[in-house]
Amino acid sequence: MAQAHTPPKYDLEERTLRFAKETIKFVGLLPKTLPNIEIARQLVRSAGSVGANYIEANESLGKKDFLMRIKISRKESKESRYWLELVTCDNTSKPAQERLIRESMELMKIFGAILRNSMS
C-alpha cells in the first residue's frame, strides 16, 4: 500500500529568520559610504522586524493583536524592499540584492494572504 505524499511543513519563522540573517550578511558586503551606512541601519532593523513581529503574532493575545502583528510584518517586508532598492552595491553583491528584493516581495505576499484569510 502506497503512502500519500505529504508536503513538508512550511516554517515561516525559519524563513523570516533566514531573510534577516541573509540581509545582515549582505549589508556586511556593501561599500562603506555614508549613505549606505545610514540605509544599512534601517535595512537591518526592518529585515529583523519582519520575523520578530511574526513571532509576536504567533504568541498573540487575540485575533486583533494577531492581525496587527501580521500587518506590521507585511509593512516591514515592504520597508525592507525599499531600503534594498536604495542601497548602492557593486556587481559582486548585486545578485544577493536582487534575491533579497524578491524574498521581501514574497514575504509581503505571504503576509497579505495571511491577512486576507484571517479576516474572512
PDB file of N, CA and C in Angstrom:
ATOM      1  N   MET A   1       0.846  -1.179   0.000  1.00  0.00           N
ATOM      2  CA  MET A   1       0.000   0.000   0.000  1.00  0.00           C
ATOM      3  C   MET A   1       0.893   1.244   0.000  1.00  0.00           C
ATOM      4  N   ALA A   2       0.680   2.127  -0.951  1.00  0.00           N
ATOM      5  CA  ALA A   2       1.490   3.337  -1.081  1.00  0.00           C
ATOM      6  C   ALA A   2       0.994   4.403  -0.109  1.00  0.00           C
ATOM      7  N   GLN A   3       1.946   5.097   0.475  1.00  0.00           N
ATOM      8  CA  GLN A   3       1.587   6.184   1.379  1.00  0.00           C
ATOM      9  C   GLN A   3       1.364   7.460   0.586  1.00  0.00           C
ATOM     10  N   ALA A   4       0.412   8.253   1.033  1.00  0.00           N
ATOM     11  CA  ALA A   4       0.152   9.540   0.388  1.00  0.00           C
ATOM     12  C   ALA A   4       1.320  10.479   0.676  1.00  0.00           C
ATOM     13  N   HIS A   5       1.666  11.244  -0.323  1.00  0.00           N
ATOM     14  CA  HIS A   5       2.752  12.219  -0.155  1.00  0.00           C
ATOM     15  C   HIS A   5       2.239  13.409   0.648  1.00  0.00           C
ATOM     16  N   THR A   6       2.938  13.725   1.720  1.00  0.00           N
ATOM     17  CA  THR A   6       2.575  14.912   2.490  1.00  0.00           C
ATOM     18  C   THR A   6       3.644  15.964   2.261  1.00  0.00           C
ATOM     19  N   PRO A   7       3.227  17.151   1.845  1.00  0.00           N
ATOM     20  CA  PRO A   7       4.219  18.203   1.609  1.00  0.00           C
ATOM     21  C   PRO A   7       4.906  18.586   2.911  1.00  0.00           C
ATOM     22  N   PRO A   8       6.167  19.018   2.825  1.00  0.00           N
ATOM     23  CA  PRO A   8       6.862  19.423   4.055  1.00  0.00           C
ATOM     24  C   PRO A   8       6.183  20.639   4.678  1.00  0.00           C
ATOM     25  N   LYS A   9       6.172  20.655   6.006  1.00  0.00           N
ATOM     26  CA  LYS A   9       5.574  21.783   6.707  1.00  0.00           C
ATOM     27  C   LYS A   9       6.426  23.019   6.449  1.00  0.00           C
ATOM     28  N   TYR A  10       5.764  24.090   6.079  1.00  0.00           N
ATOM     29  CA  TYR A  10       6.461  25.323   5.748  1.00  0.00           C
ATOM     30  C   TYR A  10       6.624  26.146   7.010  1.00  0.00           C
ATOM     31  N   ASP A  11       7.842  26.496   7.357  1.00  0.00           N
ATOM     32  CA  ASP A  11       8.098  27.219   8.595  1.00  0.00           C
ATOM     33  C   ASP A  11       8.431  28.678   8.289  1.00  0.00           C
ATOM     34  N   LEU A  12       7.448  29.535   8.463  1.00  0.00           N
ATOM     35  CA  LEU A  12       7.620  30.953   8.175  1.00  0.00           C
ATOM     36  C   LEU A  12       8.546  31.629   9.191  1.00  0.00           C
ATOM     37  N   GLU A  13       8.578  31.135  10.416  1.00  0.00           N
ATOM     38  CA  GLU A  13       9.520  31.680  11.395  1.00  0.00           C
ATOM     39  C   GLU A  13      10.944  31.454  10.913  1.00  0.00           C
ATOM     40  N   GLU A  14      11.234  30.275  10.414  1.00  0.00           N
ATOM     41  CA  GLU A  14      12.573  29.964   9.905  1.00  0.00           C
ATOM     42  C   GLU A  14      12.885  30.806   8.668  1.00  0.00           C
ATOM     43  N   ARG A  15      11.913  30.966   7.811  1.00  0.00           N
ATOM     44  CA  ARG A  15      12.133  31.749   6.590  1.00  0.00           C
ATOM     45  C   ARG A  15      12.417  33.211   6.897  1.00  0.00           C
ATOM     46  N   THR A  16      11.675  33.786   7.828  1.00  0.00           N
ATOM     47  CA  THR A  16      11.912  35.191   8.174  1.00  0.00           C
ATOM     48  C   THR A  16      13.252  35.362   8.899  1.00  0.00           C
ATOM     49  N   LEU A  17      13.645  34.371   9.689  1.00  0.00           N
ATOM     50  CA  LEU A  17      14.955  34.402  10.331  1.00  0.00           C
ATOM     51  C   LEU A  17      16.062  34.346   9.277  1.00  0.00           C
ATOM     52  N   ARG A  18      15.905  33.468   8.301  1.00  0.00           N
ATOM     53  CA  ARG A  18      16.883  33.357   7.215  1.00  0.00           C
ATOM     54  C   ARG A  18      16.974  34.669   6.430  1.00  0.00           C
ATOM     55  N   PHE A  19      15.817  35.326   6.190  1.00  0.00           N
ATOM     56  CA  PHE A  19      15.797  36.613   5.495  1.00  0.00           C
ATOM     57  C   PHE A  19      16.615  37.645   6.271  1.00  0.00           C
ATOM     58  N   ALA A  20      16.422  37.706   7.578  1.00  0.00           N
ATOM     59  CA  ALA A  20      17.160  38.666   8.408  1.00  0.00           C
ATOM     60  C   ALA A  20      18.660  38.356   8.381  1.00  0.00           C
ATOM     61  N   LYS A  21      19.013  37.089   8.521  1.00  0.00           N
ATOM     62  CA  LYS A  21      20.433  36.703   8.520  1.00  0.00           C
ATOM     63  C   LYS A  21      21.090  37.006   7.178  1.00  0.00           C
ATOM     64  N   GLU A  22      20.404  36.690   6.090  1.00  0.00           N
ATOM     65  CA  GLU A  22      20.965  36.957   4.765  1.00  0.00           C
ATOM     66  C   GLU A  22      21.087  38.462   4.510  1.00  0.00           C
ATOM     67  N   THR A  23      20.155  39.231   5.046  1.00  0.00           N
ATOM     68  CA  THR A  23      20.224  40.687   4.914  1.00  0.00           C
ATOM     69  C   THR A  23      21.433  41.228   5.669  1.00  0.00           C
ATOM     70  N   ILE A  24      21.665  40.740   6.870  1.00  0.00           N
ATOM     71  CA  ILE A  24      22.820  41.165   7.660  1.00  0.00           C
ATOM     72  C   ILE A  24      24.119  40.812   6.935  1.00  0.00           C
ATOM     73  N   LYS A  25      24.169  39.620   6.383  1.00  0.00           N
ATOM     74  CA  LYS A  25      25.353  39.199   5.620  1.00  0.00           C
ATOM     75  C   LYS A  25      25.564  40.114   4.411  1.00  0.00           C
ATOM     76  N   PHE A  26      24.478  40.430   3.701  1.00  0.00           N
ATOM     77  CA  PHE A  26      24.532  41.316   2.534  1.00  0.00           C
ATOM     78  C   PHE A  26      25.058  42.694   2.932  1.00  0.00           C
ATOM     79  N   VAL A  27      24.547  43.232   4.032  1.00  0.00           N
ATOM     80  CA  VAL A  27      24.958  44.560   4.498  1.00  0.00           C
ATOM     81  C   VAL A  27      26.464  44.586   4.769  1.00  0.00           C
ATOM     82  N   GLY A  28      27.012  43.487   5.264  1.00  0.00           N
ATOM     83  CA  GLY A  28      28.442  43.406   5.529  1.00  0.00           C
ATOM     84  C   GLY A  28      29.300  43.511   4.278  1.00  0.00           C
ATOM     85  N   LEU A  29      28.708  43.227   3.115  1.00  0.00           N
ATOM     86  CA  LEU A  29      29.440  43.277   1.845  1.00  0.00           C
ATOM     87  C   LEU A  29      29.376  44.641   1.166  1.00  0.00           C
ATOM     88  N   LEU A  30      28.538  45.518   1.670  1.00  0.00           N
ATOM     89  CA  LEU A  30      28.308  46.801   0.997  1.00  0.00           C
ATOM     90  C   LEU A  30      29.489  47.755   1.135  1.00  0.00           C
ATOM     91  N   PRO A  31      29.691  48.595   0.116  1.00  0.00           N
ATOM     92  CA  PRO A  31      30.692  49.658   0.246  1.00  0.00           C
ATOM     93  C   PRO A  31      30.312  50.567   1.417  1.00  0.00           C
ATOM     94  N   LYS A  32      31.300  50.967   2.208  1.00  0.00           N
ATOM     95  CA  LYS A  32      31.048  51.749   3.427  1.00  0.00           C
ATOM     96  C   LYS A  32      30.979  53.246   3.120  1.00  0.00           C
ATOM     97  N   THR A  33      29.991  53.625   2.325  1.00  0.00           N
ATOM     98  CA  THR A  33      29.761  55.045   2.062  1.00  0.00           C
ATOM     99  C   THR A  33      28.788  55.566   3.116  1.00  0.00           C
ATOM    100  N   LEU A  34      28.770  56.868   3.315  1.00  0.00           N
ATOM    101  CA  LEU A  34      27.860  57.452   4.311  1.00  0.00           C
ATOM    102  C   LEU A  34      26.399  57.096   4.017  1.00  0.00           C
ATOM    103  N   PRO A  35      25.922  57.255   2.772  1.00  0.00           N
ATOM    104  CA  PRO A  35      24.527  56.870   2.517  1.00  0.00           C
ATOM    105  C   PRO A  35      24.261  55.386   2.800  1.00  0.00           C
ATOM    106  N   ASN A  36      25.170  54.511   2.379  1.00  0.00           N
ATOM    107  CA  ASN A  36      24.981  53.082   2.628  1.00  0.00           C
ATOM    108  C   ASN A  36      24.943  52.751   4.111  1.00  0.00           C
ATOM    109  N   ILE A  37      25.767  53.419   4.884  1.00  0.00           N
ATOM    110  CA  ILE A  37      25.783  53.157   6.331  1.00  0.00           C
ATOM    111  C   ILE A  37      24.422  53.501   6.938  1.00  0.00           C
ATOM    112  N   GLU A  38      23.869  54.635   6.556  1.00  0.00           N
ATOM    113  CA  GLU A  38      22.554  55.036   7.075  1.00  0.00           C
ATOM    114  C   GLU A  38      21.446  54.107   6.579  1.00  0.00           C
ATOM    115  N   ILE A  39      21.479  53.782   5.301  1.00  0.00           N
ATOM    116  CA  ILE A  39      20.471  52.883   4.725  1.00  0.00           C
ATOM    117  C   ILE A  39      20.585  51.499   5.357  1.00  0.00           C
ATOM    118  N   ALA A  40      21.821  51.028   5.544  1.00  0.00           N
ATOM    119  CA  ALA A  40      22.043  49.702   6.119  1.00  0.00           C
ATOM    120  C   ALA A  40      21.445  49.580   7.515  1.00  0.00           C
ATOM    121  N   ARG A  41      21.550  50.641   8.304  1.00  0.00           N
ATOM    122  CA  ARG A  41      20.950  50.608   9.654  1.00  0.00           C
ATOM    123  C   ARG A  41      19.440  50.378   9.566  1.00  0.00           C
ATOM    124  N   GLN A  42      18.808  51.130   8.688  1.00  0.00           N
ATOM    125  CA  GLN A  42      17.359  50.995   8.512  1.00  0.00           C
ATOM    126  C   GLN A  42      17.008  49.609   7.970  1.00  0.00           C
ATOM    127  N   LEU A  43      17.798  49.131   7.024  1.00  0.00           N
ATOM    128  CA  LEU A  43      17.549  47.829   6.409  1.00  0.00           C
ATOM    129  C   LEU A  43      17.650  46.693   7.422  1.00  0.00           C
ATOM    130  N   VAL A  44      18.681  46.708   8.234  1.00  0.00           N
ATOM    131  CA  VAL A  44      18.841  45.654   9.240  1.00  0.00           C
ATOM    132  C   VAL A  44      17.680  45.671  10.228  1.00  0.00           C
ATOM    133  N   ARG A  45      17.251  46.863  10.623  1.00  0.00           N
ATOM    134  CA  ARG A  45      16.116  46.969  11.555  1.00  0.00           C
ATOM    135  C   ARG A  45      14.839  46.402  10.945  1.00  0.00           C
ATOM    136  N   SER A  46      14.536  46.826   9.722  1.00  0.00           N
ATOM    137  CA  SER A  46      13.274  46.380   9.117  1.00  0.00           C
ATOM    138  C   SER A  46      13.304  44.885   8.803  1.00  0.00           C
ATOM    139  N   ALA A  47      14.435  44.381   8.319  1.00  0.00           N
ATOM    140  CA  ALA A  47      14.529  42.949   7.997  1.00  0.00           C
ATOM    141  C   ALA A  47      14.371  42.090   9.246  1.00  0.00           C
ATOM    142  N   GLY A  48      14.962  42.522  10.347  1.00  0.00           N
ATOM    143  CA  GLY A  48      14.813  41.780  11.597  1.00  0.00           C
ATOM    144  C   GLY A  48      13.416  41.877  12.168  1.00  0.00           C
ATOM    145  N   SER A  49      12.777  42.993  11.938  1.00  0.00           N
ATOM    146  CA  SER A  49      11.438  43.222  12.470  1.00  0.00           C
ATOM    147  C   SER A  49      10.378  42.350  11.794  1.00  0.00           C
ATOM    148  N   VAL A  50      10.630  41.934  10.566  1.00  0.00           N
ATOM    149  CA  VAL A  50       9.673  41.069   9.853  1.00  0.00           C
ATOM    150  C   VAL A  50       9.410  39.816  10.688  1.00  0.00           C
ATOM    151  N   GLY A  51      10.466  39.108  11.017  1.00  0.00           N
ATOM    152  CA  GLY A  51      10.327  37.860  11.770  1.00  0.00           C
ATOM    153  C   GLY A  51       9.946  38.075  13.219  1.00  0.00           C
ATOM    154  N   ALA A  52      10.493  39.126  13.828  1.00  0.00           N
ATOM    155  CA  ALA A  52      10.171  39.383  15.230  1.00  0.00           C
ATOM    156  C   ALA A  52       8.669  39.611  15.407  1.00  0.00           C
ATOM    157  N   ASN A  53       8.073  40.358  14.494  1.00  0.00           N
ATOM    158  CA  ASN A  53       6.630  40.600  14.589  1.00  0.00           C
ATOM    159  C   ASN A  53       5.821  39.365  14.237  1.00  0.00           C
ATOM    160  N   TYR A  54       6.334  38.532  13.343  1.00  0.00           N
ATOM    161  CA  TYR A  54       5.638  37.278  13.043  1.00  0.00           C
ATOM    162  C   TYR A  54       5.632  36.366  14.272  1.00  0.00           C
ATOM    163  N   ILE A  55       6.748  36.299  14.968  1.00  0.00           N
ATOM    164  CA  ILE A  55       6.805  35.508  16.207  1.00  0.00           C
ATOM    165  C   ILE A  55       5.808  36.065  17.223  1.00  0.00           C
ATOM    166  N   GLU A  56       5.765  37.391  17.346  1.00  0.00           N
ATOM    167  CA  GLU A  56       4.798  38.014  18.250  1.00  0.00           C
ATOM    168  C   GLU A  56       3.365  37.687  17.847  1.00  0.00           C
ATOM    169  N   ALA A  57       3.108  37.644  16.531  1.00  0.00           N
ATOM    170  CA  ALA A  57       1.760  37.300  16.055  1.00  0.00           C
ATOM    171  C   ALA A  57       1.379  35.898  16.512  1.00  0.00           C
ATOM    172  N   ASN A  58       2.328  34.980  16.447  1.00  0.00           N
ATOM    173  CA  ASN A  58       2.048  33.600  16.860  1.00  0.00           C
ATOM    174  C   ASN A  58       1.833  33.471  18.358  1.00  0.00           C
ATOM    175  N   GLU A  59       2.290  34.449  19.110  1.00  0.00           N
ATOM    176  CA  GLU A  59       2.099  34.451  20.561  1.00  0.00           C
ATOM    177  C   GLU A  59       1.032  35.465  20.976  1.00  0.00           C
ATOM    178  N   SER A  60       0.232  35.900  20.020  1.00  0.00           N
ATOM    179  CA  SER A  60      -0.711  36.992  20.261  1.00  0.00           C
ATOM    180  C   SER A  60      -1.758  36.630  21.301  1.00  0.00           C
ATOM    181  N   LEU A  61      -2.336  37.683  21.858  1.00  0.00           N
ATOM    182  CA  LEU A  61      -3.345  37.523  22.898  1.00  0.00           C
ATOM    183  C   LEU A  61      -4.753  37.405  22.332  1.00  0.00           C
ATOM    184  N   GLY A  62      -4.901  37.602  21.051  1.00  0.00           N
ATOM    185  CA  GLY A  62      -6.207  37.517  20.419  1.00  0.00           C
ATOM    186  C   GLY A  62      -6.098  37.822  18.943  1.00  0.00           C
ATOM    187  N   LYS A  63      -7.233  37.735  18.269  1.00  0.00           N
ATOM    188  CA  LYS A  63      -7.229  37.930  16.825  1.00  0.00           C
ATOM    189  C   LYS A  63      -6.808  39.347  16.430  1.00  0.00           C
ATOM    190  N   LYS A  64      -7.264  40.345  17.172  1.00  0.00           N
ATOM    191  CA  LYS A  64      -6.913  41.734  16.847  1.00  0.00           C
ATOM    192  C   LYS A  64      -5.398  41.937  16.937  1.00  0.00           C
ATOM    193  N   ASP A  65      -4.789  41.423  17.997  1.00  0.00           N
ATOM    194  CA  ASP A  65      -3.343  41.519  18.176  1.00  0.00           C
ATOM    195  C   ASP A  65      -2.615  40.749  17.066  1.00  0.00           C
ATOM    196  N   PHE A  66      -3.112  39.553  16.736  1.00  0.00           N
ATOM    197  CA  PHE A  66      -2.524  38.751  15.664  1.00  0.00           C
ATOM    198  C   PHE A  66      -2.524  39.524  14.349  1.00  0.00           C
ATOM    199  N   LEU A  67      -3.671  40.089  13.989  1.00  0.00           N
ATOM    200  CA  LEU A  67      -3.783  40.826  12.725  1.00  0.00           C
ATOM    201  C   LEU A  67      -2.864  42.043  12.703  1.00  0.00           C
ATOM    202  N   MET A  68      -2.755  42.734  13.832  1.00  0.00           N
ATOM    203  CA  MET A  68      -1.884  43.908  13.888  1.00  0.00           C
ATOM    204  C   MET A  68      -0.433  43.500  13.651  1.00  0.00           C
ATOM    205  N   ARG A  69       0.012  42.420  14.270  1.00  0.00           N
ATOM    206  CA  ARG A  69       1.402  41.963  14.123  1.00  0.00           C
ATOM    207  C   ARG A  69       1.682  41.492  12.695  1.00  0.00           C
ATOM    208  N   ILE A  70       0.717  40.833  12.077  1.00  0.00           N
ATOM    209  CA  ILE A  70       0.881  40.390  10.685  1.00  0.00           C
ATOM    210  C   ILE A  70       0.965  41.610   9.766  1.00  0.00           C
ATOM    211  N   LYS A  71       0.146  42.613  10.041  1.00  0.00           N
ATOM    212  CA  LYS A  71       0.213  43.856   9.250  1.00  0.00           C
ATOM    213  C   LYS A  71       1.583  44.507   9.394  1.00  0.00           C
ATOM    214  N   ILE A  72       2.126  44.500  10.599  1.00  0.00           N
ATOM    215  CA  ILE A  72       3.458  45.078  10.819  1.00  0.00           C
ATOM    216  C   ILE A  72       4.512  44.265  10.066  1.00  0.00           C
ATOM    217  N   SER A  73       4.403  42.946  10.087  1.00  0.00           N
ATOM    218  CA  SER A  73       5.349  42.111   9.344  1.00  0.00           C
ATOM    219  C   SER A  73       5.284  42.424   7.850  1.00  0.00           C
ATOM    220  N   ARG A  74       4.085  42.603   7.344  1.00  0.00           N
ATOM    221  CA  ARG A  74       3.934  42.955   5.924  1.00  0.00           C
ATOM    222  C   ARG A  74       4.550  44.325   5.647  1.00  0.00           C
ATOM    223  N   LYS A  75       4.295  45.287   6.535  1.00  0.00           N
ATOM    224  CA  LYS A  75       4.845  46.636   6.381  1.00  0.00           C
ATOM    225  C   LYS A  75       6.367  46.615   6.434  1.00  0.00           C
ATOM    226  N   GLU A  76       6.941  45.855   7.346  1.00  0.00           N
ATOM    227  CA  GLU A  76       8.398  45.769   7.467  1.00  0.00           C
ATOM    228  C   GLU A  76       9.016  45.067   6.263  1.00  0.00           C
ATOM    229  N   SER A  77       8.317  44.108   5.684  1.00  0.00           N
ATOM    230  CA  SER A  77       8.794  43.463   4.452  1.00  0.00           C
ATOM    231  C   SER A  77       8.860  44.485   3.326  1.00  0.00           C
ATOM    232  N   LYS A  78       7.816  45.305   3.249  1.00  0.00           N
ATOM    233  CA  LYS A  78       7.757  46.346   2.223  1.00  0.00           C
ATOM    234  C   LYS A  78       8.856  47.377   2.444  1.00  0.00           C
ATOM    235  N   GLU A  79       9.074  47.752   3.693  1.00  0.00           N
ATOM    236  CA  GLU A  79      10.125  48.717   4.011  1.00  0.00           C
ATOM    237  C   GLU A  79      11.504  48.137   3.690  1.00  0.00           C
ATOM    238  N   SER A  80      11.700  46.866   3.974  1.00  0.00           N
ATOM    239  CA  SER A  80      12.969  46.219   3.646  1.00  0.00           C
ATOM    240  C   SER A  80      13.243  46.289   2.151  1.00  0.00           C
ATOM    241  N   ARG A  81      12.213  46.039   1.364  1.00  0.00           N
ATOM    242  CA  ARG A  81      12.375  46.128  -0.087  1.00  0.00           C
ATOM    243  C   ARG A  81      12.791  47.541  -0.494  1.00  0.00           C
ATOM    244  N   TYR A  82      12.191  48.528   0.113  1.00  0.00           N
ATOM    245  CA  TYR A  82      12.518  49.925  -0.175  1.00  0.00           C
ATOM    246  C   TYR A  82      14.002  50.201   0.076  1.00  0.00           C
ATOM    247  N   TRP A  83      14.495  49.818   1.266  1.00  0.00           N
ATOM    248  CA  TRP A  83      15.897  50.063   1.605  1.00  0.00           C
ATOM    249  C   TRP A  83      16.819  49.254   0.697  1.00  0.00           C
ATOM    250  N   LEU A  84      16.417  48.031   0.360  1.00  0.00           N
ATOM    251  CA  LEU A  84      17.225  47.205  -0.541  1.00  0.00           C
ATOM    252  C   LEU A  84      17.368  47.859  -1.919  1.00  0.00           C
ATOM    253  N   GLU A  85      16.323  48.519  -2.359  1.00  0.00           N
ATOM    254  CA  GLU A  85      16.389  49.178  -3.657  1.00  0.00           C
ATOM    255  C   GLU A  85      17.191  50.478  -3.607  1.00  0.00           C
ATOM    256  N   LEU A  86      17.280  51.090  -2.445  1.00  0.00           N
ATOM    257  CA  LEU A  86      18.027  52.341  -2.300  1.00  0.00           C
ATOM    258  C   LEU A  86      19.530  52.146  -2.150  1.00  0.00           C
ATOM    259  N   VAL A  87      19.921  51.050  -1.540  1.00  0.00           N
ATOM    260  CA  VAL A  87      21.326  50.837  -1.217  1.00  0.00           C
ATOM    261  C   VAL A  87      22.156  50.687  -2.497  1.00  0.00           C
ATOM    262  N   THR A  88      23.391  51.155  -2.437  1.00  0.00           N
ATOM    263  CA  THR A  88      24.302  51.047  -3.566  1.00  0.00           C
ATOM    264  C   THR A  88      25.250  49.882  -3.320  1.00  0.00           C
ATOM    265  N   CYS A  89      25.299  48.966  -4.279  1.00  0.00           N
ATOM    266  CA  CYS A  89      26.217  47.836  -4.129  1.00  0.00           C
ATOM    267  C   CYS A  89      27.002  47.638  -5.422  1.00  0.00           C
ATOM    268  N   ASP A  90      28.047  46.831  -5.322  1.00  0.00           N
ATOM    269  CA  ASP A  90      28.852  46.558  -6.507  1.00  0.00           C
ATOM    270  C   ASP A  90      28.332  45.310  -7.212  1.00  0.00           C
ATOM    271  N   ASN A  91      28.957  44.969  -8.311  1.00  0.00           N
ATOM    272  CA  ASN A  91      28.484  43.834  -9.117  1.00  0.00           C
ATOM    273  C   ASN A  91      28.528  42.510  -8.382  1.00  0.00           C
ATOM    274  N   THR A  92      29.450  42.349  -7.443  1.00  0.00           N
ATOM    275  CA  THR A  92      29.542  41.073  -6.734  1.00  0.00           C
ATOM    276  C   THR A  92      28.384  40.873  -5.757  1.00  0.00           C
ATOM    277  N   SER A  93      27.850  41.949  -5.206  1.00  0.00           N
ATOM    278  CA  SER A  93      26.734  41.814  -4.256  1.00  0.00           C
ATOM    279  C   SER A  93      25.370  42.049  -4.918  1.00  0.00           C
ATOM    280  N   LYS A  94      25.356  42.403  -6.202  1.00  0.00           N
ATOM    281  CA  LYS A  94      24.098  42.662  -6.925  1.00  0.00           C
ATOM    282  C   LYS A  94      23.154  41.449  -6.918  1.00  0.00           C
ATOM    283  N   PRO A  95      23.655  40.216  -7.182  1.00  0.00           N
ATOM    284  CA  PRO A  95      22.739  39.061  -7.145  1.00  0.00           C
ATOM    285  C   PRO A  95      22.082  38.871  -5.769  1.00  0.00           C
ATOM    286  N   ALA A  96      22.837  39.109  -4.698  1.00  0.00           N
ATOM    287  CA  ALA A  96      22.270  38.986  -3.348  1.00  0.00           C
ATOM    288  C   ALA A  96      21.203  40.051  -3.134  1.00  0.00           C
ATOM    289  N   GLN A  97      21.456  41.254  -3.616  1.00  0.00           N
ATOM    290  CA  GLN A  97      20.479  42.334  -3.506  1.00  0.00           C
ATOM    291  C   GLN A  97      19.184  41.944  -4.222  1.00  0.00           C
ATOM    292  N   GLU A  98      19.306  41.453  -5.439  1.00  0.00           N
ATOM    293  CA  GLU A  98      18.122  41.063  -6.214  1.00  0.00           C
ATOM    294  C   GLU A  98      17.373  39.920  -5.557  1.00  0.00           C
ATOM    295  N   ARG A  99      18.105  38.953  -5.002  1.00  0.00           N
ATOM    296  CA  ARG A  99      17.480  37.814  -4.319  1.00  0.00           C
ATOM    297  C   ARG A  99      16.718  38.290  -3.078  1.00  0.00           C
ATOM    298  N   LEU A 100      17.310  39.219  -2.327  1.00  0.00           N
ATOM    299  CA  LEU A 100      16.648  39.732  -1.126  1.00  0.00           C
ATOM    300  C   LEU A 100      15.426  40.582  -1.479  1.00  0.00           C
ATOM    301  N   ILE A 101      15.500  41.319  -2.561  1.00  0.00           N
ATOM    302  CA  ILE A 101      14.332  42.090  -3.005  1.00  0.00           C
ATOM    303  C   ILE A 101      13.192  41.133  -3.350  1.00  0.00           C
ATOM    304  N   ARG A 102      13.509  40.061  -4.078  1.00  0.00           N
ATOM    305  CA  ARG A 102      12.470  39.062  -4.414  1.00  0.00           C
ATOM    306  C   ARG A 102      11.882  38.434  -3.155  1.00  0.00           C
ATOM    307  N   GLU A 103      12.750  38.099  -2.207  1.00  0.00           N
ATOM    308  CA  GLU A 103      12.272  37.477  -0.974  1.00  0.00           C
ATOM    309  C   GLU A 103      11.393  38.438  -0.177  1.00  0.00           C
ATOM    310  N   SER A 104      11.766  39.707  -0.112  1.00  0.00           N
ATOM    311  CA  SER A 104      10.936  40.672   0.617  1.00  0.00           C
ATOM    312  C   SER A 104       9.559  40.787  -0.039  1.00  0.00           C
ATOM    313  N   MET A 105       9.517  40.732  -1.369  1.00  0.00           N
ATOM    314  CA  MET A 105       8.231  40.791  -2.072  1.00  0.00           C
ATOM    315  C   MET A 105       7.404  39.529  -1.809  1.00  0.00           C
ATOM    316  N   GLU A 106       8.072  38.376  -1.779  1.00  0.00           N
ATOM    317  CA  GLU A 106       7.366  37.127  -1.459  1.00  0.00           C
ATOM    318  C   GLU A 106       6.789  37.191  -0.049  1.00  0.00           C
ATOM    319  N   LEU A 107       7.575  37.680   0.894  1.00  0.00           N
ATOM    320  CA  LEU A 107       7.089  37.790   2.271  1.00  0.00           C
ATOM    321  C   LEU A 107       5.899  38.739   2.354  1.00  0.00           C
ATOM    322  N   MET A 108       5.945  39.848   1.614  1.00  0.00           N
ATOM    323  CA  MET A 108       4.798  40.769   1.584  1.00  0.00           C
ATOM    324  C   MET A 108       3.542  40.031   1.118  1.00  0.00           C
ATOM    325  N   LYS A 109       3.681  39.225   0.076  1.00  0.00           N
ATOM    326  CA  LYS A 109       2.538  38.476  -0.465  1.00  0.00           C
ATOM    327  C   LYS A 109       2.030  37.448   0.534  1.00  0.00           C
ATOM    328  N   ILE A 110       2.944  36.767   1.200  1.00  0.00           N
ATOM    329  CA  ILE A 110       2.549  35.753   2.183  1.00  0.00           C
ATOM    330  C   ILE A 110       1.776  36.402   3.327  1.00  0.00           C
ATOM    331  N   PHE A 111       2.304  37.502   3.860  1.00  0.00           N
ATOM    332  CA  PHE A 111       1.612  38.172   4.973  1.00  0.00           C
ATOM    333  C   PHE A 111       0.281  38.761   4.510  1.00  0.00           C
ATOM    334  N   GLY A 112       0.225  39.249   3.268  1.00  0.00           N
ATOM    335  CA  GLY A 112      -1.039  39.729   2.718  1.00  0.00           C
ATOM    336  C   GLY A 112      -2.070  38.609   2.639  1.00  0.00           C
ATOM    337  N   ALA A 113      -1.632  37.427   2.225  1.00  0.00           N
ATOM    338  CA  ALA A 113      -2.537  36.265   2.138  1.00  0.00           C
ATOM    339  C   ALA A 113      -3.012  35.846   3.528  1.00  0.00           C
ATOM    340  N   ILE A 114      -2.104  35.871   4.496  1.00  0.00           N
ATOM    341  CA  ILE A 114      -2.490  35.525   5.875  1.00  0.00           C
ATOM    342  C   ILE A 114      -3.563  36.509   6.355  1.00  0.00           C
ATOM    343  N   LEU A 115      -3.368  37.788   6.065  1.00  0.00           N
ATOM    344  CA  LEU A 115      -4.356  38.789   6.478  1.00  0.00           C
ATOM    345  C   LEU A 115      -5.705  38.532   5.819  1.00  0.00           C
ATOM    346  N   ARG A 116      -5.689  38.303   4.515  1.00  0.00           N
ATOM    347  CA  ARG A 116      -6.972  38.052   3.802  1.00  0.00           C
ATOM    348  C   ARG A 116      -7.678  36.821   4.354  1.00  0.00           C
ATOM    349  N   ASN A 117      -6.911  35.760   4.589  1.00  0.00           N
ATOM    350  CA  ASN A 117      -7.511  34.516   5.090  1.00  0.00           C
ATOM    351  C   ASN A 117      -7.994  34.646   6.531  1.00  0.00           C
ATOM    352  N   SER A 118      -7.332  35.482   7.298  1.00  0.00           N
ATOM    353  CA  SER A 118      -7.695  35.649   8.711  1.00  0.00           C
ATOM    354  C   SER A 118      -8.895  36.565   8.892  1.00  0.00           C
ATOM    355  N   MET A 119      -9.131  37.428   7.919  1.00  0.00           N
ATOM    356  CA  MET A 119     -10.252  38.368   8.041  1.00  0.00           C
ATOM    357  C   MET A 119     -11.544  37.813   7.463  1.00  0.00           C
ATOM    358  N   SER A 120     -11.452  36.715   6.741  1.00  0.00           N
ATOM    359  CA  SER A 120     -12.678  36.182   6.122  1.00  0.00           C
ATOM    360  C   SER A 120     -13.397  35.214   7.019  1.00  0.00           C
TER     361      SER A 120
END
